[in-house]
Amino acid sequence: MAEIQALLTHKIVLWVGFNILILILLAIDLGLVHRKDHTISIKEGFIWSVIWILVALAFNYVVYLWKGSEVGFQFLTGYLIERVLSMDNIFVFFVILAYFKVPTQYQYRVLYWGILGALIFRGLFIALGVVLVAKFHWILYVFAIFLILTAIKLVVGKEKDIEPEKNPILKLVRRFLPITPNYEGKHFLIKRNKKILGTPLLVVLIVVETTDVMFALDSLPAIFAITLDPFIIYTSNVFAILGLRALYFAIAGLIQIFYYLKYALSAILGFVGIKMLIADIFKIPSSIALLVIVGMFMIAIIASILFPNPDKDKPKPADAV
């Protein structure tokens, strides 16, 4: 009994300690480094993207020393999967921010709070997924089939236009909370004539948040093919998401260059789905999975540079209503 209590205490301290670390990093990020709202340049976005990658790799090294090489590779593979799949999120963020004509100096604030909320929802999804897999092992096969079908859809399916105004959560909020016609600086909510009003910045935050939840349905099943350790799943997701904002500003203006990215995403999802399906028969080592995923992503980048997008007429997002 004492051993069980000690183990539980250790796990609680581990989880609480990690989340405190993340809150400290976020507080330093917005409270000190980005305290003043300003337009984030590509150079600044690139620098911070590198910083977040180095922080993730430092944590990965700690995991490697603590849990060994296999778990270390699992963390790194999970981190890379989430980073690659989040490239789609970046494109969607670009469309949403352009659609609502968000002033550039407030875009970082929207993505900051949007991703902070995403950490909470991802944690809930991971907890639910771990419980389901523990009780119903066959659900892994459901995840695998879902990933393979998603991979096929990415290649053969028609791309749908993103229509933020049709977001059901946004419609629900507007029924109960009046929205000001114009942006009110950096504020999400304001008080006017003794009434609480939402601002267009709150609308954008809601759309970003709910969009990320939808993307989580694609990316989270993929990492269950790599590991079932909830701590590794959660921490790798957290570090991938934390670097997403900086990555957005680093490549938002260059997003159209990655023309073959969707084929890489499709191949990665298909590979992960197959890995999950055959796991009970043949377990692909985490190191091999990592090399395959990195290889697919690099091939897509090289192909995009050598054979650029033939469609030079880039469609512009529709004007906000």
Protein backbone atom coordinates (compact mmCIF):
# COMPACT_ATOMS: atom_id res chain seq x y z
CA MET A 1 0.00 0.00 0.00
CA ALA A 2 2.84 2.39 0.87
CA GLU A 3 4.48 1.68 -2.50
CA ILE A 4 1.24 2.47 -4.37
CA GLN A 5 0.82 5.73 -2.44
CA ALA A 6 4.42 6.68 -3.16
CA LEU A 7 3.90 5.96 -6.87
CA LEU A 8 0.73 8.05 -6.99
CA THR A 9 2.45 10.90 -5.16
CA HIS A 10 5.35 10.72 -7.62
CA LYS A 11 2.99 10.90 -10.61
CA ILE A 12 1.02 13.80 -9.14
CA VAL A 13 4.22 15.74 -8.44
CA LEU A 14 5.40 14.98 -11.98
CA TRP A 15 2.22 16.23 -13.64
CA VAL A 16 1.84 19.27 -11.40
CA GLY A 17 5.52 20.14 -11.76
CA PHE A 18 5.38 19.97 -15.56
CA ASN A 19 2.28 22.15 -15.77
CA ILE A 20 3.81 24.70 -13.41
CA LEU A 21 6.88 24.78 -15.70
CA ILE A 22 4.63 25.44 -18.72
CA LEU A 23 2.73 28.20 -16.90
CA ILE A 24 6.03 29.85 -15.97
CA LEU A 25 7.20 29.69 -19.60
CA LEU A 26 3.89 31.16 -20.80
CA ALA A 27 4.04 33.91 -18.17
CA ILE A 28 7.56 34.83 -19.30
CA ASP A 29 6.40 34.72 -22.93
CA LEU A 30 3.43 37.09 -22.72
CA GLY A 31 4.12 38.83 -19.41
CA LEU A 32 7.72 39.83 -20.11
CA VAL A 33 8.93 39.18 -23.65
CA HIS A 34 5.71 40.08 -25.49
CA ARG A 35 4.17 42.40 -22.90
CA LYS A 36 3.75 45.18 -25.47
CA ASP A 37 1.53 44.38 -28.46
CA HIS A 38 3.45 44.73 -31.71
CA THR A 39 3.68 43.25 -35.17
CA ILE A 40 5.76 40.05 -35.09
CA SER A 41 8.26 39.98 -37.95
CA ILE A 42 9.27 36.83 -39.82
CA LYS A 43 12.74 37.14 -38.24
CA GLU A 44 11.33 37.38 -34.70
CA GLY A 45 8.95 34.50 -35.38
CA PHE A 46 11.82 32.38 -36.67
CA ILE A 47 14.01 33.17 -33.64
CA TRP A 48 11.26 32.24 -31.18
CA SER A 49 10.40 29.14 -33.18
CA VAL A 50 14.02 27.99 -32.79
CA ILE A 51 13.95 28.83 -29.06
CA TRP A 52 10.82 26.70 -28.48
CA ILE A 53 12.37 23.83 -30.46
CA LEU A 54 15.50 23.99 -28.31
CA VAL A 55 13.37 24.00 -25.13
CA ALA A 56 11.51 20.91 -26.41
CA LEU A 57 14.77 19.15 -27.27
CA ALA A 58 16.18 19.98 -23.84
CA PHE A 59 13.14 18.38 -22.24
CA ASN A 60 13.53 15.44 -24.65
CA TYR A 61 17.10 14.98 -23.39
CA VAL A 62 15.81 14.90 -19.80
CA VAL A 63 13.28 12.23 -20.82
CA TYR A 64 16.09 10.29 -22.54
CA LEU A 65 18.23 10.32 -19.37
CA TRP A 66 15.27 9.55 -17.13
CA LYS A 67 13.37 6.89 -19.12
CA GLY A 68 15.93 5.61 -21.63
CA SER A 69 16.40 5.76 -25.38
CA GLU A 70 13.12 4.04 -26.39
CA VAL A 71 10.93 6.49 -24.49
CA GLY A 72 13.17 9.34 -25.64
CA PHE A 73 12.53 8.37 -29.26
CA GLN A 74 8.80 8.09 -28.51
CA PHE A 75 8.71 11.65 -27.19
CA LEU A 76 10.66 12.99 -30.17
CA THR A 77 8.50 11.07 -32.67
CA GLY A 78 5.30 12.26 -31.02
CA TYR A 79 6.61 15.82 -30.98
CA LEU A 80 7.52 15.71 -34.68
CA ILE A 81 4.18 14.16 -35.67
CA GLU A 82 2.32 16.95 -33.90
CA ARG A 83 4.59 19.62 -35.42
CA VAL A 84 4.10 18.26 -38.94
CA LEU A 85 0.34 17.87 -38.58
CA SER A 86 0.10 21.36 -37.09
CA MET A 87 1.26 22.84 -40.39
CA ASP A 88 -2.39 22.63 -41.48
CA ASN A 89 -3.36 24.60 -38.36
CA ILE A 90 -0.98 27.37 -39.42
CA PHE A 91 -2.65 27.70 -42.81
CA VAL A 92 -6.08 27.81 -41.14
CA PHE A 93 -4.88 30.44 -38.64
CA PHE A 94 -3.63 32.48 -41.59
CA VAL A 95 -7.05 32.33 -43.29
CA ILE A 96 -8.97 33.13 -40.07
CA LEU A 97 -6.82 36.13 -39.14
CA ALA A 98 -7.00 37.47 -42.68
CA TYR A 99 -10.76 36.86 -42.91
CA PHE A 100 -11.48 38.89 -39.78
CA LYS A 101 -8.80 41.46 -40.66
CA VAL A 102 -7.13 41.17 -37.27
CA PRO A 103 -4.62 44.01 -36.75
CA THR A 104 -1.13 42.55 -36.92
CA GLN A 105 -0.16 43.87 -33.48
CA TYR A 106 -2.93 41.79 -31.85
CA GLN A 107 -2.46 38.54 -33.77
CA TYR A 108 0.10 37.20 -31.28
CA ARG A 109 -2.33 37.80 -28.38
CA VAL A 110 -5.12 35.87 -30.14
CA LEU A 111 -2.87 32.90 -30.92
CA TYR A 112 -1.39 32.99 -27.41
CA TRP A 113 -4.75 32.63 -25.65
CA GLY A 114 -6.06 30.30 -28.35
CA ILE A 115 -3.17 27.90 -27.89
CA LEU A 116 -3.36 28.18 -24.10
CA GLY A 117 -6.97 26.96 -24.36
CA ALA A 118 -5.83 24.25 -26.78
CA LEU A 119 -3.49 22.87 -24.09
CA ILE A 120 -6.48 22.36 -21.78
CA PHE A 121 -8.61 20.65 -24.41
CA ARG A 122 -5.73 18.47 -25.60
CA GLY A 123 -5.17 17.35 -22.01
CA LEU A 124 -8.83 16.35 -21.70
CA PHE A 125 -8.76 14.50 -25.04
CA ILE A 126 -5.56 12.64 -24.12
CA ALA A 127 -7.00 11.59 -20.75
CA LEU A 128 -10.17 10.33 -22.47
CA GLY A 129 -8.17 8.51 -25.15
CA VAL A 130 -5.92 6.77 -22.61
CA VAL A 131 -8.93 5.59 -20.62
CA LEU A 132 -10.68 4.29 -23.74
CA VAL A 133 -7.58 2.44 -24.96
CA ALA A 134 -7.02 0.91 -21.51
CA LYS A 135 -10.59 -0.41 -21.34
CA PHE A 136 -11.16 -1.14 -25.03
CA HIS A 137 -7.95 -2.16 -26.80
CA TRP A 138 -9.84 -2.58 -30.07
CA ILE A 139 -10.37 1.18 -30.24
CA LEU A 140 -6.77 1.44 -31.46
CA TYR A 141 -7.91 -0.26 -34.67
CA VAL A 142 -10.71 2.31 -34.99
CA PHE A 143 -8.10 5.07 -34.64
CA ALA A 144 -5.91 3.35 -37.24
CA ILE A 145 -8.71 3.06 -39.80
CA PHE A 146 -9.69 6.68 -39.14
CA LEU A 147 -6.13 7.84 -39.80
CA ILE A 148 -5.87 5.84 -43.03
CA LEU A 149 -9.21 7.20 -44.28
CA THR A 150 -8.09 10.73 -43.37
CA ALA A 151 -4.86 10.16 -45.30
CA ILE A 152 -6.79 9.07 -48.39
CA LYS A 153 -9.20 12.00 -48.07
CA LEU A 154 -6.29 14.46 -47.97
CA VAL A 155 -5.15 13.31 -51.40
CA VAL A 156 -8.36 12.48 -53.29
CA GLY A 157 -10.87 14.68 -51.46
CA LYS A 158 -11.79 18.15 -52.59
CA GLU A 159 -10.55 21.00 -50.44
CA LYS A 160 -13.37 22.86 -48.76
CA ASP A 161 -13.34 26.61 -48.27
CA ILE A 162 -12.92 27.69 -44.67
CA GLU A 163 -16.02 29.63 -43.60
CA PRO A 164 -15.46 31.04 -40.09
CA GLU A 165 -18.89 32.68 -39.96
CA LYS A 166 -20.56 29.25 -40.12
CA ASN A 167 -18.80 28.07 -36.95
CA PRO A 168 -21.65 26.69 -34.75
CA ILE A 169 -19.95 27.72 -31.49
CA LEU A 170 -19.59 31.26 -32.81
CA LYS A 171 -23.28 31.37 -33.72
CA LEU A 172 -24.19 30.20 -30.23
CA VAL A 173 -22.02 32.86 -28.55
CA ARG A 174 -23.53 35.63 -30.69
CA ARG A 175 -27.00 34.63 -29.54
CA PHE A 176 -26.16 35.38 -25.92
CA LEU A 177 -23.36 37.95 -26.09
CA PRO A 178 -23.56 41.19 -28.12
CA ILE A 179 -20.45 41.84 -30.24
CA THR A 180 -19.07 45.31 -30.89
CA PRO A 181 -18.85 46.31 -34.58
CA ASN A 182 -15.17 47.27 -34.35
CA TYR A 183 -12.02 46.09 -32.59
CA GLU A 184 -11.51 47.58 -29.13
CA GLY A 185 -7.73 47.46 -28.99
CA LYS A 186 -6.38 44.28 -27.41
CA HIS A 187 -9.54 43.58 -25.39
CA PHE A 188 -11.70 40.47 -25.79
CA LEU A 189 -14.48 41.85 -23.56
CA ILE A 190 -15.47 45.42 -22.67
CA LYS A 191 -18.03 47.02 -20.38
CA ARG A 192 -20.23 49.69 -21.94
CA ASN A 193 -23.40 51.21 -20.47
CA LYS A 194 -23.21 48.66 -17.63
CA LYS A 195 -23.32 45.81 -20.18
CA ILE A 196 -20.62 43.26 -21.01
CA LEU A 197 -19.88 43.18 -24.73
CA GLY A 198 -17.65 40.89 -26.74
CA THR A 199 -15.29 42.28 -29.35
CA PRO A 200 -14.35 40.91 -32.79
CA LEU A 201 -11.09 39.76 -31.17
CA LEU A 202 -13.14 37.42 -28.95
CA VAL A 203 -14.90 36.12 -32.06
CA VAL A 204 -11.55 35.33 -33.66
CA LEU A 205 -10.34 33.61 -30.47
CA ILE A 206 -13.44 31.39 -30.41
CA VAL A 207 -12.99 30.40 -34.06
CA VAL A 208 -9.27 29.65 -33.55
CA GLU A 209 -10.04 27.60 -30.43
CA THR A 210 -12.80 25.47 -31.95
CA THR A 211 -10.80 24.95 -35.14
CA ASP A 212 -7.88 23.59 -33.12
CA VAL A 213 -10.24 21.20 -31.33
CA MET A 214 -11.29 19.80 -34.70
CA PHE A 215 -7.67 19.37 -35.78
CA ALA A 216 -6.92 17.56 -32.52
CA LEU A 217 -9.28 14.80 -33.64
CA ASP A 218 -6.82 14.05 -36.47
CA SER A 219 -3.51 14.47 -34.67
CA LEU A 220 -4.14 12.83 -31.29
CA PRO A 221 -5.06 9.36 -32.61
CA ALA A 222 -1.77 9.40 -34.53
CA ILE A 223 0.37 9.68 -31.42
CA PHE A 224 -1.36 6.67 -29.83
CA ALA A 225 0.44 4.61 -32.46
CA ILE A 226 3.74 5.76 -30.99
CA THR A 227 3.10 5.40 -27.25
CA LEU A 228 0.31 4.89 -24.73
CA ASP A 229 2.16 6.69 -21.94
CA PRO A 230 -0.13 9.66 -21.12
CA PHE A 231 2.73 11.78 -19.79
CA ILE A 232 4.78 11.38 -22.98
CA ILE A 233 1.71 11.98 -25.17
CA TYR A 234 0.77 15.11 -23.23
CA THR A 235 4.23 16.64 -22.93
CA SER A 236 5.13 16.08 -26.59
CA ASN A 237 1.81 17.67 -27.62
CA VAL A 238 2.31 20.62 -25.28
CA PHE A 239 5.77 21.46 -26.61
CA ALA A 240 4.60 21.11 -30.22
CA ILE A 241 1.67 23.47 -29.59
CA LEU A 242 3.77 26.01 -27.67
CA GLY A 243 5.99 26.52 -30.70
CA LEU A 244 3.03 26.81 -33.06
CA ARG A 245 2.53 30.57 -32.64
CA ALA A 246 6.14 31.43 -33.38
CA LEU A 247 6.12 29.05 -36.34
CA TYR A 248 3.04 30.83 -37.68
CA PHE A 249 4.83 34.18 -37.77
CA ALA A 250 7.97 32.56 -39.18
CA ILE A 251 6.27 31.01 -42.22
CA ALA A 252 2.81 32.67 -42.55
CA GLY A 253 4.05 34.73 -45.46
CA LEU A 254 5.70 31.68 -47.05
CA ILE A 255 2.89 29.16 -46.50
CA GLN A 256 2.12 28.79 -50.22
CA ILE A 257 5.64 27.52 -50.87
CA PHE A 258 4.88 24.18 -49.19
CA TYR A 259 2.76 22.94 -52.09
CA TYR A 260 3.42 19.23 -51.50
CA LEU A 261 2.89 19.38 -47.75
CA LYS A 262 -0.56 17.79 -47.91
CA TYR A 263 0.94 14.73 -49.62
CA ALA A 264 3.49 14.43 -46.81
CA LEU A 265 0.72 14.74 -44.23
CA SER A 266 -1.27 12.08 -46.04
CA ALA A 267 1.73 9.73 -46.20
CA ILE A 268 2.52 10.27 -42.51
CA LEU A 269 -1.07 9.65 -41.40
CA GLY A 270 -1.23 6.54 -43.59
CA PHE A 271 2.07 5.23 -42.22
CA VAL A 272 1.01 5.85 -38.62
CA GLY A 273 -2.36 4.19 -39.26
CA ILE A 274 -0.69 1.08 -40.70
CA LYS A 275 1.81 1.05 -37.81
CA MET A 276 -1.10 1.04 -35.40
CA LEU A 277 -2.93 -1.74 -37.28
CA ILE A 278 0.02 -4.13 -37.29
CA ALA A 279 1.30 -3.27 -33.79
CA ASP A 280 0.11 -6.59 -32.29
CA ILE A 281 1.86 -8.55 -35.07
CA PHE A 282 4.97 -6.46 -35.70
CA LYS A 283 6.03 -3.44 -33.69
CA ILE A 284 7.98 -0.89 -35.72
CA PRO A 285 10.74 0.58 -33.51
CA SER A 286 10.29 4.22 -32.53
CA SER A 287 13.65 5.12 -34.08
CA ILE A 288 12.55 3.72 -37.48
CA ALA A 289 9.18 5.49 -37.25
CA LEU A 290 10.99 8.74 -36.49
CA LEU A 291 13.26 8.38 -39.54
CA VAL A 292 10.30 7.60 -41.83
CA ILE A 293 8.31 10.64 -40.64
CA VAL A 294 11.27 13.01 -40.92
CA GLY A 295 12.09 11.59 -44.36
CA MET A 296 8.55 12.12 -45.67
CA PHE A 297 8.47 15.69 -44.41
CA MET A 298 11.89 16.54 -45.89
CA ILE A 299 10.93 15.05 -49.26
CA ALA A 300 7.83 17.29 -49.31
CA ILE A 301 9.91 20.39 -48.53
CA ILE A 302 12.53 19.59 -51.19
CA ALA A 303 9.85 18.79 -53.77
CA SER A 304 8.05 22.06 -52.99
CA ILE A 305 11.26 24.02 -53.60
CA LEU A 306 12.22 22.16 -56.78
CA PHE A 307 8.69 22.02 -58.21
CA PRO A 308 6.81 25.10 -56.93
CA ASN A 309 3.05 25.53 -56.90
CA PRO A 310 1.90 25.87 -60.53
CA ASP A 311 -1.13 27.88 -59.43
CA LYS A 312 0.33 31.34 -59.12
CA ASP A 313 -3.02 33.03 -58.63
CA LYS A 314 -3.45 32.78 -54.89
CA PRO A 315 -7.07 33.17 -53.79
CA LYS A 316 -7.64 35.88 -51.23
CA PRO A 317 -9.74 35.21 -48.15
CA ALA A 318 -13.24 36.65 -48.31
CA ASP A 319 -13.93 39.93 -46.56
CA ALA A 320 -15.41 39.73 -43.09
CA VAL A 321 -19.12 40.25 -42.75
